[in-house]
């Protein structure tokens, strides 16, 4: 687990195509999780569980953000199809996932 100040800066597009930076989320605890692809069984369950517990996490001062290589349009479809309540960020080249240590050169 990394502390907020240890999380590398990022500038990624969310599901609406808007740019989101790490600094915009400052002041909160941040649950930043990475997943390989929208609409896969494990990734869907994970996102639905974060959504189900979002109120509890927010009461603790935590923001939850998912990051995947999916494009913003795919993230929008994923959120709508699965009823997700958390923002998702697009990292199409997986550069941020590598920088953050979520994956290595082998994937």
C-alpha atoms as a PDB file:
ATOM      1  CA  UNK A   1       0.000   0.000   0.000  1.00  0.00           C
ATOM      2  CA  UNK A   2       1.295   3.455  -0.882  1.00  0.00           C
ATOM      3  CA  UNK A   3       0.569   6.714   0.871  1.00  0.00           C
ATOM      4  CA  UNK A   4      -1.003   9.511  -1.177  1.00  0.00           C
ATOM      5  CA  UNK A   5       2.233  11.441  -1.483  1.00  0.00           C
ATOM      6  CA  UNK A   6       3.882   8.278  -2.809  1.00  0.00           C
ATOM      7  CA  UNK A   7       1.343   7.785  -5.585  1.00  0.00           C
ATOM      8  CA  UNK A   8       2.876   9.079  -8.820  1.00  0.00           C
ATOM      9  CA  UNK A   9       1.196  12.103 -10.348  1.00  0.00           C
ATOM     10  CA  UNK A  10      -1.251  11.323 -13.092  1.00  0.00           C
ATOM     11  CA  UNK A  11      -3.293  13.090 -15.732  1.00  0.00           C
ATOM     12  CA  UNK A  12      -5.804  10.628 -17.156  1.00  0.00           C
ATOM     13  CA  UNK A  13      -9.192  10.904 -18.841  1.00  0.00           C
ATOM     14  CA  UNK A  14     -12.253   9.703 -16.963  1.00  0.00           C
ATOM     15  CA  UNK A  15     -15.284   7.973 -18.435  1.00  0.00           C
ATOM     16  CA  UNK A  16     -16.604  11.357 -19.634  1.00  0.00           C
ATOM     17  CA  UNK A  17     -13.369  12.295 -21.406  1.00  0.00           C
ATOM     18  CA  UNK A  18     -12.504  14.861 -18.713  1.00  0.00           C
ATOM     19  CA  UNK A  19      -8.936  15.102 -17.455  1.00  0.00           C
ATOM     20  CA  UNK A  20      -8.436  14.066 -13.831  1.00  0.00           C
ATOM     21  CA  UNK A  21      -5.212  14.604 -11.891  1.00  0.00           C
ATOM     22  CA  UNK A  22      -3.953  13.234  -8.612  1.00  0.00           C
ATOM     23  CA  UNK A  23      -3.948  16.720  -7.136  1.00  0.00           C
ATOM     24  CA  UNK A  24      -7.682  17.085  -7.794  1.00  0.00           C
ATOM     25  CA  UNK A  25      -8.193  14.206  -5.363  1.00  0.00           C
ATOM     26  CA  UNK A  26      -5.913  15.653  -2.667  1.00  0.00           C
ATOM     27  CA  UNK A  27      -7.381  15.942   0.802  1.00  0.00           C
ATOM     28  CA  UNK A  28      -9.081  12.567   0.664  1.00  0.00           C
ATOM     29  CA  UNK A  29      -7.943   9.089   1.297  1.00  0.00           C
ATOM     30  CA  UNK A  30      -7.637   7.577  -2.137  1.00  0.00           C
ATOM     31  CA  UNK A  31      -8.442   4.007  -3.061  1.00  0.00           C
ATOM     32  CA  UNK A  32      -6.799   3.769  -6.446  1.00  0.00           C
ATOM     33  CA  UNK A  33      -7.222   0.343  -7.955  1.00  0.00           C
ATOM     34  CA  UNK A  34      -6.149  -1.060 -11.280  1.00  0.00           C
ATOM     35  CA  UNK A  35      -7.962  -3.657 -13.347  1.00  0.00           C
ATOM     36  CA  UNK A  36      -7.112  -5.187 -16.738  1.00  0.00           C
ATOM     37  CA  UNK A  37     -10.378  -4.837 -18.692  1.00  0.00           C
ATOM     38  CA  UNK A  38     -13.955  -3.683 -18.250  1.00  0.00           C
ATOM     39  CA  UNK A  39     -16.776  -6.234 -18.333  1.00  0.00           C
ATOM     40  CA  UNK A  40     -14.674  -9.203 -17.318  1.00  0.00           C
ATOM     41  CA  UNK A  41     -16.063 -11.224 -14.425  1.00  0.00           C
ATOM     42  CA  UNK A  42     -13.442 -10.384 -11.789  1.00  0.00           C
ATOM     43  CA  UNK A  43     -13.200  -6.710 -12.748  1.00  0.00           C
ATOM     44  CA  UNK A  44     -16.975  -6.372 -12.727  1.00  0.00           C
ATOM     45  CA  UNK A  45     -17.292  -7.918  -9.257  1.00  0.00           C
ATOM     46  CA  UNK A  46     -14.545  -5.683  -7.919  1.00  0.00           C
ATOM     47  CA  UNK A  47     -16.141  -2.497  -9.295  1.00  0.00           C
ATOM     48  CA  UNK A  48     -19.580  -3.550  -8.026  1.00  0.00           C
ATOM     49  CA  UNK A  49     -18.178  -4.219  -4.542  1.00  0.00           C
ATOM     50  CA  UNK A  50     -16.531  -0.796  -4.436  1.00  0.00           C
ATOM     51  CA  UNK A  51     -19.860   0.712  -5.528  1.00  0.00           C
ATOM     52  CA  UNK A  52     -21.773  -1.273  -2.881  1.00  0.00           C
ATOM     53  CA  UNK A  53     -19.458   0.006  -0.134  1.00  0.00           C
ATOM     54  CA  UNK A  54     -18.974   3.514  -1.506  1.00  0.00           C
ATOM     55  CA  UNK A  55     -21.084   5.243   1.172  1.00  0.00           C
ATOM     56  CA  UNK A  56     -19.064   3.582   3.925  1.00  0.00           C
ATOM     57  CA  UNK A  57     -15.796   4.534   2.274  1.00  0.00           C
ATOM     58  CA  UNK A  58     -16.925   8.118   1.720  1.00  0.00           C
ATOM     59  CA  UNK A  59     -17.894   8.411   5.397  1.00  0.00           C
ATOM     60  CA  UNK A  60     -14.258   7.568   6.147  1.00  0.00           C
ATOM     61  CA  UNK A  61     -13.149  10.332   3.767  1.00  0.00           C
ATOM     62  CA  UNK A  62     -12.083   8.010   0.963  1.00  0.00           C
ATOM     63  CA  UNK A  63     -12.470   8.503  -2.771  1.00  0.00           C
ATOM     64  CA  UNK A  64     -12.452   5.379  -4.949  1.00  0.00           C
ATOM     65  CA  UNK A  65     -11.102   5.476  -8.495  1.00  0.00           C
ATOM     66  CA  UNK A  66     -10.526   2.594 -10.893  1.00  0.00           C
ATOM     67  CA  UNK A  67      -7.893   2.641 -13.652  1.00  0.00           C
ATOM     68  CA  UNK A  68      -7.814   0.427 -16.732  1.00  0.00           C
ATOM     69  CA  UNK A  69      -6.471   0.501 -20.289  1.00  0.00           C
ATOM     70  CA  UNK A  70     -10.034   0.849 -21.637  1.00  0.00           C
ATOM     71  CA  UNK A  71     -10.922   3.993 -23.589  1.00  0.00           C
ATOM     72  CA  UNK A  72     -13.358   6.497 -22.022  1.00  0.00           C
ATOM     73  CA  UNK A  73     -16.271   5.325 -24.210  1.00  0.00           C
ATOM     74  CA  UNK A  74     -15.803   1.735 -22.996  1.00  0.00           C
ATOM     75  CA  UNK A  75     -15.674   2.967 -19.398  1.00  0.00           C
ATOM     76  CA  UNK A  76     -18.960   4.836 -19.878  1.00  0.00           C
ATOM     77  CA  UNK A  77     -20.612   1.667 -21.209  1.00  0.00           C
ATOM     78  CA  UNK A  78     -19.177  -0.382 -18.329  1.00  0.00           C
ATOM     79  CA  UNK A  79     -20.525   2.058 -15.734  1.00  0.00           C
ATOM     80  CA  UNK A  80     -23.968   2.123 -17.358  1.00  0.00           C
ATOM     81  CA  UNK A  81     -24.249  -1.604 -17.961  1.00  0.00           C
ATOM     82  CA  UNK A  82     -23.176  -2.575 -14.449  1.00  0.00           C
ATOM     83  CA  UNK A  83     -24.696   0.332 -12.488  1.00  0.00           C
ATOM     84  CA  UNK A  84     -21.361   1.486 -11.113  1.00  0.00           C
ATOM     85  CA  UNK A  85     -21.095   4.554  -8.899  1.00  0.00           C
ATOM     86  CA  UNK A  86     -17.359   5.099  -9.001  1.00  0.00           C
ATOM     87  CA  UNK A  87     -15.274   7.090 -11.475  1.00  0.00           C
ATOM     88  CA  UNK A  88     -13.035   5.194 -13.841  1.00  0.00           C
ATOM     89  CA  UNK A  89      -9.885   6.448 -15.544  1.00  0.00           C
ATOM     90  CA  UNK A  90      -8.425   5.473 -18.892  1.00  0.00           C
ATOM     91  CA  UNK A  91      -4.753   4.454 -19.107  1.00  0.00           C
ATOM     92  CA  UNK A  92      -4.697   3.083 -22.683  1.00  0.00           C
ATOM     93  CA  UNK A  93      -0.951   2.507 -22.930  1.00  0.00           C
ATOM     94  CA  UNK A  94      -0.717   1.203 -19.342  1.00  0.00           C
ATOM     95  CA  UNK A  95       2.068   3.728 -18.744  1.00  0.00           C
ATOM     96  CA  UNK A  96       0.559   4.934 -15.481  1.00  0.00           C
ATOM     97  CA  UNK A  97      -0.105   1.401 -14.246  1.00  0.00           C
ATOM     98  CA  UNK A  98       3.577   0.622 -14.836  1.00  0.00           C
ATOM     99  CA  UNK A  99       4.719   3.856 -13.183  1.00  0.00           C
ATOM    100  CA  UNK A 100       2.529   3.144 -10.139  1.00  0.00           C
ATOM    101  CA  UNK A 101       3.871  -0.405  -9.863  1.00  0.00           C
ATOM    102  CA  UNK A 102       0.529  -2.073 -10.612  1.00  0.00           C
ATOM    103  CA  UNK A 103       2.061  -4.062 -13.461  1.00  0.00           C
ATOM    104  CA  UNK A 104       5.562  -4.842 -14.622  1.00  0.00           C
ATOM    105  CA  UNK A 105       7.037  -5.259 -18.099  1.00  0.00           C
ATOM    106  CA  UNK A 106       5.630  -8.780 -18.242  1.00  0.00           C
ATOM    107  CA  UNK A 107       2.123  -7.486 -17.545  1.00  0.00           C
END
